[in-house]
Amino acid sequence: MAENYTDPSGNTAQFRAFVESSPDPGAAAPAPPRLPLIAGIGAAVVLVVLVAWLALS
């Protein structure tokens, strides 16, 4: 192991500095847009209705 490695759990002050400097993994990725999902579901419903109408007529 490297000589200059310091264990962040060595003492409370080092651990708090380590935690505060770490990026938050939950806040990094924004939610994807919902418009393509809604449009895809709408297109699927229209397609099913169209196929059912053609099959029953």
C-alpha atoms as a PDB file:
ATOM      1  CA  MET A   1       0.000   0.000   0.000  1.00  0.00           C
ATOM      2  CA  ALA A   2       1.215   3.529  -0.669  1.00  0.00           C
ATOM      3  CA  GLU A   3       2.984   5.397   2.108  1.00  0.00           C
ATOM      4  CA  ASN A   4       0.920   8.589   1.677  1.00  0.00           C
ATOM      5  CA  TYR A   5      -2.473   6.860   1.942  1.00  0.00           C
ATOM      6  CA  THR A   6      -4.495   8.137   4.876  1.00  0.00           C
ATOM      7  CA  ASP A   7      -7.441   6.171   6.115  1.00  0.00           C
ATOM      8  CA  PRO A   8     -10.502   8.492   6.204  1.00  0.00           C
ATOM      9  CA  SER A   9     -11.822   6.586   9.207  1.00  0.00           C
ATOM     10  CA  GLY A  10      -8.646   7.403  11.149  1.00  0.00           C
ATOM     11  CA  ASN A  11     -10.412   9.961  13.285  1.00  0.00           C
ATOM     12  CA  THR A  12     -13.734  11.783  13.346  1.00  0.00           C
ATOM     13  CA  ALA A  13     -12.508  14.984  11.692  1.00  0.00           C
ATOM     14  CA  GLN A  14     -10.929  13.091   8.781  1.00  0.00           C
ATOM     15  CA  PHE A  15     -14.061  10.977   8.333  1.00  0.00           C
ATOM     16  CA  ARG A  16     -16.384  14.006   8.291  1.00  0.00           C
ATOM     17  CA  ALA A  17     -14.161  15.746   5.728  1.00  0.00           C
ATOM     18  CA  PHE A  18     -14.183  12.576   3.602  1.00  0.00           C
ATOM     19  CA  VAL A  19     -17.982  12.275   3.727  1.00  0.00           C
ATOM     20  CA  GLU A  20     -18.521  15.952   2.912  1.00  0.00           C
ATOM     21  CA  SER A  21     -16.158  15.773  -0.079  1.00  0.00           C
ATOM     22  CA  SER A  22     -17.819  12.680  -1.598  1.00  0.00           C
ATOM     23  CA  PRO A  23     -20.400  13.355  -4.329  1.00  0.00           C
ATOM     24  CA  ASP A  24     -23.978  12.290  -3.656  1.00  0.00           C
ATOM     25  CA  PRO A  25     -24.697   9.399  -6.086  1.00  0.00           C
ATOM     26  CA  GLY A  26     -28.484   9.826  -5.830  1.00  0.00           C
ATOM     27  CA  ALA A  27     -28.487  13.463  -6.940  1.00  0.00           C
ATOM     28  CA  ALA A  28     -26.226  12.990  -9.974  1.00  0.00           C
ATOM     29  CA  ALA A  29     -28.745  11.670 -12.500  1.00  0.00           C
ATOM     30  CA  PRO A  30     -31.870  13.691 -13.322  1.00  0.00           C
ATOM     31  CA  ALA A  31     -35.099  11.879 -14.091  1.00  0.00           C
ATOM     32  CA  PRO A  32     -35.637  11.039 -17.767  1.00  0.00           C
ATOM     33  CA  PRO A  33     -38.373  12.938 -19.626  1.00  0.00           C
ATOM     34  CA  ARG A  34     -41.806  11.305 -19.588  1.00  0.00           C
ATOM     35  CA  LEU A  35     -43.069  12.603 -22.928  1.00  0.00           C
ATOM     36  CA  PRO A  36     -41.621   9.730 -25.032  1.00  0.00           C
ATOM     37  CA  LEU A  37     -43.104   7.189 -22.620  1.00  0.00           C
ATOM     38  CA  ILE A  38     -46.556   8.780 -22.783  1.00  0.00           C
ATOM     39  CA  ALA A  39     -46.363   9.082 -26.586  1.00  0.00           C
ATOM     40  CA  GLY A  40     -45.307   5.426 -26.899  1.00  0.00           C
ATOM     41  CA  ILE A  41     -48.171   4.213 -24.714  1.00  0.00           C
ATOM     42  CA  GLY A  42     -50.631   6.365 -26.671  1.00  0.00           C
ATOM     43  CA  ALA A  43     -49.347   4.999 -29.989  1.00  0.00           C
ATOM     44  CA  ALA A  44     -49.649   1.425 -28.697  1.00  0.00           C
ATOM     45  CA  VAL A  45     -53.245   2.017 -27.588  1.00  0.00           C
ATOM     46  CA  VAL A  46     -54.120   3.539 -30.967  1.00  0.00           C
ATOM     47  CA  LEU A  47     -52.503   0.584 -32.760  1.00  0.00           C
ATOM     48  CA  VAL A  48     -54.409  -1.968 -30.648  1.00  0.00           C
ATOM     49  CA  VAL A  49     -57.702  -0.159 -31.256  1.00  0.00           C
ATOM     50  CA  LEU A  50     -57.002   0.026 -34.989  1.00  0.00           C
ATOM     51  CA  VAL A  51     -56.172  -3.689 -35.215  1.00  0.00           C
ATOM     52  CA  ALA A  52     -59.287  -4.603 -33.195  1.00  0.00           C
ATOM     53  CA  TRP A  53     -61.472  -2.388 -35.391  1.00  0.00           C
ATOM     54  CA  LEU A  54     -60.055  -3.944 -38.582  1.00  0.00           C
ATOM     55  CA  ALA A  55     -60.462  -7.486 -37.181  1.00  0.00           C
ATOM     56  CA  LEU A  56     -64.071  -6.942 -36.146  1.00  0.00           C
ATOM     57  CA  SER A  57     -65.278  -5.116 -39.242  1.00  0.00           C
END
